C-alpha atoms as a PDB file:
ATOM      1  CA  MET A   1      80.823 135.877  73.458  1.00  0.00           C
ATOM      2  CA  LYS A   2      82.035 134.906  76.907  1.00  0.00           C
ATOM      3  CA  ARG A   3      85.378 135.985  78.326  1.00  0.00           C
ATOM      4  CA  PRO A   4      88.101 133.327  78.388  1.00  0.00           C
ATOM      5  CA  ASP A   5      88.390 131.473  81.665  1.00  0.00           C
ATOM      6  CA  ARG A   6      91.616 130.585  83.430  1.00  0.00           C
ATOM      7  CA  ILE A   7      91.555 127.107  81.894  1.00  0.00           C
ATOM      8  CA  ASP A   8      91.377 128.653  78.411  1.00  0.00           C
ATOM      9  CA  TRP A   9      94.546 130.678  79.047  1.00  0.00           C
ATOM     10  CA  ILE A  10      96.269 127.599  80.410  1.00  0.00           C
ATOM     11  CA  TRP A  11      95.259 125.646  77.323  1.00  0.00           C
ATOM     12  CA  LEU A  12      96.796 128.372  75.150  1.00  0.00           C
ATOM     13  CA  ALA A  13      99.980 128.284  77.245  1.00  0.00           C
ATOM     14  CA  LEU A  14     100.164 124.506  76.811  1.00  0.00           C
ATOM     15  CA  LEU A  15      99.717 124.888  73.053  1.00  0.00           C
ATOM     16  CA  ALA A  16     102.431 127.558  72.919  1.00  0.00           C
ATOM     17  CA  ALA A  17     104.841 125.405  74.957  1.00  0.00           C
ATOM     18  CA  THR A  18     104.155 122.418  72.701  1.00  0.00           C
ATOM     19  CA  ALA A  19     104.701 124.496  69.562  1.00  0.00           C
ATOM     20  CA  THR A  20     107.921 125.925  71.017  1.00  0.00           C
ATOM     21  CA  THR A  21     109.206 122.457  71.876  1.00  0.00           C
ATOM     22  CA  TRP A  22     108.400 121.224  68.376  1.00  0.00           C
ATOM     23  CA  TRP A  23     110.051 124.273  66.800  1.00  0.00           C
ATOM     24  CA  LEU A  24     113.205 123.823  68.883  1.00  0.00           C
ATOM     25  CA  GLY A  25     113.428 120.184  67.859  1.00  0.00           C
ATOM     26  CA  GLU A  26     112.762 120.741  64.167  1.00  0.00           C
ATOM     27  CA  HIS A  27     114.462 124.088  63.548  1.00  0.00           C
ATOM     28  CA  PRO A  28     117.440 123.586  61.218  1.00  0.00           C
ATOM     29  CA  GLY A  29     119.512 126.235  63.016  1.00  0.00           C
ATOM     30  CA  ALA A  30     119.050 124.724  66.472  1.00  0.00           C
ATOM     31  CA  THR A  31     122.193 123.011  67.667  1.00  0.00           C
ATOM     32  CA  PRO A  32     121.335 119.855  69.567  1.00  0.00           C
ATOM     33  CA  GLY A  33     122.965 119.518  72.916  1.00  0.00           C
ATOM     34  CA  THR A  34     122.588 119.998  76.617  1.00  0.00           C
ATOM     35  CA  PRO A  35     121.261 123.597  76.648  1.00  0.00           C
ATOM     36  CA  LEU A  36     118.531 122.786  74.142  1.00  0.00           C
ATOM     37  CA  ALA A  37     117.611 119.608  76.019  1.00  0.00           C
ATOM     38  CA  CYS A  38     117.373 121.576  79.273  1.00  0.00           C
ATOM     39  CA  VAL A  39     115.030 124.136  77.687  1.00  0.00           C
ATOM     40  CA  VAL A  40     112.794 121.390  76.290  1.00  0.00           C
ATOM     41  CA  LEU A  41     112.829 119.619  79.653  1.00  0.00           C
ATOM     42  CA  ALA A  42     111.926 122.846  81.465  1.00  0.00           C
ATOM     43  CA  LEU A  43     109.006 123.416  79.097  1.00  0.00           C
ATOM     44  CA  ALA A  44     107.813 119.855  79.668  1.00  0.00           C
ATOM     45  CA  ALA A  45     108.031 120.271  83.447  1.00  0.00           C
ATOM     46  CA  GLY A  46     106.107 123.542  83.273  1.00  0.00           C
ATOM     47  CA  LYS A  47     103.424 121.877  81.195  1.00  0.00           C
ATOM     48  CA  GLY A  48     103.266 119.057  83.733  1.00  0.00           C
ATOM     49  CA  VAL A  49     102.709 121.497  86.590  1.00  0.00           C
ATOM     50  CA  LEU A  50      99.886 123.213  84.712  1.00  0.00           C
ATOM     51  CA  ILE A  51      98.257 119.884  83.899  1.00  0.00           C
ATOM     52  CA  VAL A  52      98.516 118.565  87.458  1.00  0.00           C
ATOM     53  CA  ARG A  53      97.261 121.729  89.122  1.00  0.00           C
ATOM     54  CA  ASP A  54      94.551 122.815  86.691  1.00  0.00           C
ATOM     55  CA  TYR A  55      93.453 120.029  84.355  1.00  0.00           C
ATOM     56  CA  MET A  56      93.576 117.395  87.090  1.00  0.00           C
ATOM     57  CA  GLU A  57      92.000 120.021  89.391  1.00  0.00           C
ATOM     58  CA  LEU A  58      94.454 119.498  92.222  1.00  0.00           C
ATOM     59  CA  ARG A  59      94.836 123.229  92.887  1.00  0.00           C
ATOM     60  CA  HIS A  60      92.323 122.937  95.727  1.00  0.00           C
ATOM     61  CA  ALA A  61      93.021 119.303  96.620  1.00  0.00           C
ATOM     62  CA  PRO A  62      94.632 118.262  99.904  1.00  0.00           C
ATOM     63  CA  ALA A  63      98.277 119.261 100.120  1.00  0.00           C
ATOM     64  CA  LEU A  64      99.387 115.608 100.265  1.00  0.00           C
ATOM     65  CA  TRP A  65      98.055 114.901  96.769  1.00  0.00           C
ATOM     66  CA  GLN A  66      99.666 118.012  95.371  1.00  0.00           C
ATOM     67  CA  ARG A  67     103.001 117.152  96.991  1.00  0.00           C
ATOM     68  CA  LEU A  68     102.880 113.566  95.757  1.00  0.00           C
ATOM     69  CA  LEU A  69     102.141 114.384  92.134  1.00  0.00           C
ATOM     70  CA  LEU A  70     104.358 117.454  91.889  1.00  0.00           C
ATOM     71  CA  GLY A  71     107.120 115.583  93.732  1.00  0.00           C
ATOM     72  CA  TRP A  72     106.860 112.727  91.259  1.00  0.00           C
ATOM     73  CA  LEU A  73     107.041 115.218  88.405  1.00  0.00           C
ATOM     74  CA  GLY A  74     110.055 116.920  89.972  1.00  0.00           C
ATOM     75  CA  LEU A  75     111.842 113.615  90.577  1.00  0.00           C
ATOM     76  CA  THR A  76     111.197 112.459  87.018  1.00  0.00           C
ATOM     77  CA  THR A  77     112.437 115.773  85.648  1.00  0.00           C
ATOM     78  CA  LEU A  78     115.539 115.610  87.836  1.00  0.00           C
ATOM     79  CA  ILE A  79     116.348 112.068  86.673  1.00  0.00           C
ATOM     80  CA  LEU A  80     115.987 113.112  83.036  1.00  0.00           C
ATOM     81  CA  LEU A  81     118.100 116.218  83.631  1.00  0.00           C
ATOM     82  CA  VAL A  82     120.875 114.182  85.246  1.00  0.00           C
ATOM     83  CA  ALA A  83     120.740 111.678  82.394  1.00  0.00           C
ATOM     84  CA  THR A  84     121.006 114.562  79.927  1.00  0.00           C
ATOM     85  CA  VAL A  85     124.011 116.303  81.466  1.00  0.00           C
ATOM     86  CA  TRP A  86     125.848 113.174  82.673  1.00  0.00           C
ATOM     87  CA  PRO A  87     129.182 112.896  80.851  1.00  0.00           C
ATOM     88  CA  ARG A  88     129.303 110.043  78.367  1.00  0.00           C
END
């Protein structure tokens, strides 16, 4: 049997982050609110970074492409974070 590659470990991390997000959303003891939303948003952003850098294979791409896609991800995350914590 071959040793797991980097992409295998990343796939497991993505599965764990997805399972954690699901558990946080479905757990009866979890109190919905801003802290929980921020944790879920942070997990989603982390998953996005892993997908952009490794599954889209931009780790070794020109810096401009990395900056564009990670900047877009950061901006989207920031907008969602502001919308989450903005007083109603």
